[in-house]
Amino acid sequence: MGIGPVFFVMIAEMFPPSVSNVASCLTMTVLWIANLIVVTVYSPLSNWIGDSRVFIITFVFSFALVLFTVFVVKETKGIHTNKNGELEKNDKKEEQSNIV
């Protein structure tokens, strides 16, 4: 079991309602293309460098994803979906005030 199902949940909360439909479609397209690449590349790569090295590569990508999630992805717990756009706008204002 991987982190695949997490994206289906996160997509609904990631984007403000004004762009939610288009952004969800694009995100899902990228997700399925990435899945296709993984399925297509795994077997030849496993034959070429061996299963253990493929799993090491998988571990490195998974660890990088965990770091990205911890340090970059915003917490949306308790925030209504319609407020995510406002939250993003407030963060940009805070960043601009810190620059000046």
N, C-alpha and C. Protein backbone atom coordinates (compact mmCIF):
# COMPACT_ATOMS: atom_id res chain seq x y z
N MET A 1 0.85 -1.17 0.00
CA MET A 1 0.00 0.00 0.00
C MET A 1 0.89 1.23 0.00
N GLY A 2 0.65 2.12 -0.91
CA GLY A 2 1.44 3.34 -1.00
C GLY A 2 0.63 4.55 -0.60
N ILE A 3 1.11 5.71 -1.03
CA ILE A 3 0.43 6.95 -0.68
C ILE A 3 -0.57 7.39 -1.75
N GLY A 4 -0.79 6.57 -2.74
CA GLY A 4 -1.69 6.90 -3.85
C GLY A 4 -3.04 7.45 -3.43
N PRO A 5 -3.77 6.82 -2.50
CA PRO A 5 -5.09 7.32 -2.12
C PRO A 5 -5.07 8.70 -1.45
N VAL A 6 -3.94 9.09 -0.90
CA VAL A 6 -3.86 10.39 -0.22
C VAL A 6 -4.15 11.53 -1.19
N PHE A 7 -3.68 11.41 -2.42
CA PHE A 7 -3.87 12.49 -3.39
C PHE A 7 -5.35 12.72 -3.70
N PHE A 8 -6.14 11.65 -3.71
CA PHE A 8 -7.56 11.80 -3.98
C PHE A 8 -8.24 12.63 -2.90
N VAL A 9 -7.78 12.51 -1.68
CA VAL A 9 -8.35 13.29 -0.58
C VAL A 9 -7.81 14.72 -0.61
N MET A 10 -6.51 14.86 -0.84
CA MET A 10 -5.89 16.19 -0.80
C MET A 10 -6.37 17.10 -1.93
N ILE A 11 -6.65 16.54 -3.09
CA ILE A 11 -7.04 17.35 -4.24
C ILE A 11 -8.27 18.18 -3.92
N ALA A 12 -9.22 17.61 -3.20
CA ALA A 12 -10.45 18.33 -2.87
C ALA A 12 -10.18 19.54 -1.98
N GLU A 13 -9.13 19.52 -1.20
CA GLU A 13 -8.84 20.60 -0.26
C GLU A 13 -7.76 21.55 -0.73
N MET A 14 -7.06 21.21 -1.79
CA MET A 14 -5.90 21.98 -2.19
C MET A 14 -6.20 23.30 -2.89
N PHE A 15 -7.25 23.30 -3.67
CA PHE A 15 -7.47 24.43 -4.57
C PHE A 15 -8.70 25.23 -4.15
N PRO A 16 -8.67 26.56 -4.38
CA PRO A 16 -9.85 27.37 -4.10
C PRO A 16 -10.98 26.98 -5.06
N PRO A 17 -12.22 27.18 -4.66
CA PRO A 17 -13.36 26.76 -5.47
C PRO A 17 -13.37 27.34 -6.89
N SER A 18 -12.79 28.51 -7.08
CA SER A 18 -12.83 29.15 -8.41
C SER A 18 -12.05 28.36 -9.46
N VAL A 19 -11.05 27.59 -9.06
CA VAL A 19 -10.25 26.81 -10.02
C VAL A 19 -10.27 25.32 -9.71
N SER A 20 -11.12 24.92 -8.79
CA SER A 20 -11.11 23.54 -8.31
C SER A 20 -11.31 22.50 -9.40
N ASN A 21 -12.27 22.71 -10.29
CA ASN A 21 -12.55 21.70 -11.32
C ASN A 21 -11.38 21.51 -12.27
N VAL A 22 -10.85 22.60 -12.81
CA VAL A 22 -9.75 22.51 -13.77
C VAL A 22 -8.49 21.98 -13.09
N ALA A 23 -8.19 22.49 -11.91
CA ALA A 23 -7.00 22.05 -11.20
C ALA A 23 -7.09 20.57 -10.82
N SER A 24 -8.26 20.12 -10.40
CA SER A 24 -8.43 18.71 -10.07
C SER A 24 -8.22 17.82 -11.28
N CYS A 25 -8.75 18.24 -12.43
CA CYS A 25 -8.57 17.46 -13.66
C CYS A 25 -7.09 17.38 -14.05
N LEU A 26 -6.39 18.50 -13.99
CA LEU A 26 -4.97 18.50 -14.34
C LEU A 26 -4.15 17.67 -13.35
N THR A 27 -4.46 17.79 -12.08
CA THR A 27 -3.74 17.03 -11.06
C THR A 27 -3.97 15.53 -11.23
N MET A 28 -5.19 15.13 -11.50
CA MET A 28 -5.49 13.71 -11.71
C MET A 28 -4.79 13.18 -12.96
N THR A 29 -4.73 14.01 -14.00
CA THR A 29 -4.02 13.60 -15.22
C THR A 29 -2.54 13.35 -14.93
N VAL A 30 -1.92 14.27 -14.21
CA VAL A 30 -0.51 14.10 -13.85
C VAL A 30 -0.32 12.86 -12.98
N LEU A 31 -1.23 12.62 -12.05
CA LEU A 31 -1.15 11.44 -11.18
C LEU A 31 -1.20 10.15 -11.99
N TRP A 32 -2.12 10.06 -12.93
CA TRP A 32 -2.23 8.84 -13.72
C TRP A 32 -1.07 8.67 -14.69
N ILE A 33 -0.53 9.76 -15.20
CA ILE A 33 0.67 9.67 -16.05
C ILE A 33 1.86 9.17 -15.22
N ALA A 34 1.99 9.68 -14.00
CA ALA A 34 3.06 9.22 -13.11
C ALA A 34 2.90 7.73 -12.79
N ASN A 35 1.65 7.29 -12.55
CA ASN A 35 1.40 5.87 -12.30
C ASN A 35 1.79 5.03 -13.51
N LEU A 36 1.47 5.51 -14.70
CA LEU A 36 1.83 4.79 -15.92
C LEU A 36 3.35 4.67 -16.05
N ILE A 37 4.06 5.74 -15.76
CA ILE A 37 5.53 5.73 -15.84
C ILE A 37 6.11 4.72 -14.85
N VAL A 38 5.61 4.70 -13.62
CA VAL A 38 6.11 3.76 -12.61
C VAL A 38 5.87 2.33 -13.05
N VAL A 39 4.67 2.03 -13.52
CA VAL A 39 4.35 0.66 -13.93
C VAL A 39 5.18 0.25 -15.15
N THR A 40 5.41 1.17 -16.06
CA THR A 40 6.16 0.86 -17.28
C THR A 40 7.65 0.68 -17.00
N VAL A 41 8.19 1.47 -16.11
CA VAL A 41 9.64 1.48 -15.86
C VAL A 41 10.09 0.41 -14.87
N TYR A 42 9.21 0.00 -13.95
CA TYR A 42 9.64 -0.88 -12.85
C TYR A 42 10.27 -2.19 -13.34
N SER A 43 9.60 -2.91 -14.20
CA SER A 43 10.10 -4.23 -14.60
C SER A 43 11.45 -4.16 -15.33
N PRO A 44 11.59 -3.29 -16.36
CA PRO A 44 12.91 -3.21 -16.99
C PRO A 44 14.01 -2.73 -16.04
N LEU A 45 13.68 -1.79 -15.17
CA LEU A 45 14.66 -1.30 -14.21
C LEU A 45 15.05 -2.39 -13.22
N SER A 46 14.09 -3.16 -12.78
CA SER A 46 14.35 -4.27 -11.87
C SER A 46 15.25 -5.31 -12.52
N ASN A 47 15.01 -5.60 -13.78
CA ASN A 47 15.87 -6.56 -14.49
C ASN A 47 17.28 -6.02 -14.68
N TRP A 48 17.41 -4.71 -14.85
CA TRP A 48 18.69 -4.09 -15.15
C TRP A 48 19.56 -3.92 -13.90
N ILE A 49 18.98 -3.36 -12.80
CA ILE A 49 19.79 -3.07 -11.62
C ILE A 49 19.44 -3.93 -10.41
N GLY A 50 18.38 -4.71 -10.48
CA GLY A 50 18.01 -5.59 -9.37
C GLY A 50 16.93 -4.98 -8.48
N ASP A 51 16.18 -5.86 -7.85
CA ASP A 51 15.07 -5.42 -7.00
C ASP A 51 15.51 -4.56 -5.83
N SER A 52 16.61 -4.92 -5.19
CA SER A 52 17.02 -4.17 -3.99
C SER A 52 17.36 -2.72 -4.34
N ARG A 53 18.00 -2.50 -5.45
CA ARG A 53 18.33 -1.11 -5.84
C ARG A 53 17.08 -0.34 -6.25
N VAL A 54 16.12 -1.01 -6.86
CA VAL A 54 14.86 -0.34 -7.21
C VAL A 54 14.14 0.08 -5.93
N PHE A 55 14.15 -0.78 -4.92
CA PHE A 55 13.50 -0.42 -3.66
C PHE A 55 14.25 0.70 -2.95
N ILE A 56 15.56 0.77 -3.09
CA ILE A 56 16.31 1.89 -2.53
C ILE A 56 15.90 3.19 -3.22
N ILE A 57 15.76 3.16 -4.53
CA ILE A 57 15.30 4.34 -5.27
C ILE A 57 13.90 4.74 -4.80
N THR A 58 13.03 3.74 -4.62
CA THR A 58 11.67 4.02 -4.13
C THR A 58 11.71 4.64 -2.74
N PHE A 59 12.59 4.14 -1.88
CA PHE A 59 12.72 4.69 -0.54
C PHE A 59 13.18 6.15 -0.59
N VAL A 60 14.14 6.46 -1.44
CA VAL A 60 14.64 7.84 -1.55
C VAL A 60 13.52 8.78 -1.98
N PHE A 61 12.76 8.38 -2.99
CA PHE A 61 11.65 9.23 -3.44
C PHE A 61 10.58 9.36 -2.36
N SER A 62 10.29 8.27 -1.65
CA SER A 62 9.28 8.32 -0.58
C SER A 62 9.74 9.22 0.57
N PHE A 63 11.02 9.13 0.93
CA PHE A 63 11.55 9.98 1.99
C PHE A 63 11.51 11.45 1.58
N ALA A 64 11.85 11.74 0.33
CA ALA A 64 11.77 13.12 -0.17
C ALA A 64 10.33 13.61 -0.13
N LEU A 65 9.38 12.73 -0.44
CA LEU A 65 7.98 13.11 -0.40
C LEU A 65 7.53 13.41 1.04
N VAL A 66 8.00 12.64 1.99
CA VAL A 66 7.67 12.90 3.39
C VAL A 66 8.22 14.26 3.82
N LEU A 67 9.46 14.55 3.46
CA LEU A 67 10.04 15.85 3.80
C LEU A 67 9.26 16.99 3.15
N PHE A 68 8.89 16.82 1.89
CA PHE A 68 8.09 17.83 1.19
C PHE A 68 6.76 18.05 1.90
N THR A 69 6.11 16.96 2.30
CA THR A 69 4.82 17.06 2.97
C THR A 69 4.94 17.77 4.31
N VAL A 70 5.95 17.44 5.07
CA VAL A 70 6.12 18.03 6.40
C VAL A 70 6.44 19.52 6.32
N PHE A 71 7.30 19.91 5.38
CA PHE A 71 7.78 21.28 5.35
C PHE A 71 7.07 22.21 4.37
N VAL A 72 6.34 21.68 3.40
CA VAL A 72 5.76 22.54 2.37
C VAL A 72 4.22 22.53 2.37
N VAL A 73 3.62 21.37 2.53
CA VAL A 73 2.16 21.26 2.43
C VAL A 73 1.52 21.91 3.65
N LYS A 74 0.55 22.80 3.40
CA LYS A 74 -0.11 23.52 4.48
C LYS A 74 -1.14 22.63 5.17
N GLU A 75 -1.32 22.84 6.45
CA GLU A 75 -2.34 22.13 7.22
C GLU A 75 -3.68 22.78 6.95
N THR A 76 -4.68 21.99 6.60
CA THR A 76 -6.02 22.52 6.32
C THR A 76 -7.05 21.97 7.29
N LYS A 77 -6.62 21.33 8.35
CA LYS A 77 -7.55 20.76 9.31
C LYS A 77 -8.36 21.87 9.98
N GLY A 78 -9.68 21.72 9.96
CA GLY A 78 -10.55 22.70 10.58
C GLY A 78 -10.85 23.91 9.72
N ILE A 79 -10.30 23.98 8.52
CA ILE A 79 -10.56 25.10 7.62
C ILE A 79 -11.53 24.64 6.55
N HIS A 80 -12.61 25.38 6.37
CA HIS A 80 -13.59 25.03 5.35
C HIS A 80 -12.98 25.19 3.97
N THR A 81 -13.41 24.36 3.04
CA THR A 81 -12.85 24.37 1.68
C THR A 81 -12.90 25.75 1.05
N ASN A 82 -13.95 26.51 1.27
CA ASN A 82 -14.08 27.83 0.67
C ASN A 82 -13.08 28.83 1.24
N LYS A 83 -12.53 28.55 2.41
CA LYS A 83 -11.58 29.46 3.03
C LYS A 83 -10.14 29.22 2.58
N ASN A 84 -9.86 28.14 1.86
CA ASN A 84 -8.49 27.87 1.45
C ASN A 84 -7.94 28.97 0.56
N GLY A 85 -8.74 29.48 -0.33
CA GLY A 85 -8.29 30.58 -1.19
C GLY A 85 -7.95 31.81 -0.36
N GLU A 86 -8.78 32.10 0.66
CA GLU A 86 -8.51 33.24 1.53
C GLU A 86 -7.23 33.01 2.34
N LEU A 87 -7.03 31.80 2.79
CA LEU A 87 -5.81 31.48 3.53
C LEU A 87 -4.58 31.72 2.67
N GLU A 88 -4.66 31.30 1.42
CA GLU A 88 -3.54 31.50 0.51
C GLU A 88 -3.27 32.98 0.29
N LYS A 89 -4.33 33.78 0.15
CA LYS A 89 -4.16 35.22 -0.04
C LYS A 89 -3.52 35.86 1.18
N ASN A 90 -3.93 35.43 2.38
CA ASN A 90 -3.36 35.99 3.61
C ASN A 90 -1.88 35.65 3.73
N ASP A 91 -1.49 34.44 3.34
CA ASP A 91 -0.08 34.06 3.40
C ASP A 91 0.75 34.93 2.46
N LYS A 92 0.23 35.24 1.28
CA LYS A 92 0.96 36.07 0.33
C LYS A 92 1.12 37.48 0.89
N LYS A 93 0.09 38.01 1.54
CA LYS A 93 0.19 39.34 2.13
C LYS A 93 1.24 39.37 3.23
N GLU A 94 1.29 38.30 4.06
CA GLU A 94 2.29 38.22 5.12
C GLU A 94 3.70 38.15 4.55
N GLU A 95 3.86 37.40 3.45
CA GLU A 95 5.18 37.29 2.82
C GLU A 95 5.63 38.65 2.30
N GLN A 96 4.69 39.39 1.66
CA GLN A 96 5.03 40.70 1.12
C GLN A 96 5.37 41.69 2.24
N SER A 97 4.67 41.61 3.37
CA SER A 97 4.96 42.52 4.47
C SER A 97 6.30 42.19 5.10
N ASN A 98 6.72 40.92 5.06
CA ASN A 98 8.01 40.53 5.62
C ASN A 98 9.16 41.02 4.73
N ILE A 99 8.90 41.15 3.44
CA ILE A 99 9.94 41.58 2.49
C ILE A 99 10.22 43.06 2.67
N VAL A 100 9.18 43.85 2.90
CA VAL A 100 9.31 45.30 2.98
C VAL A 100 9.89 45.75 4.27
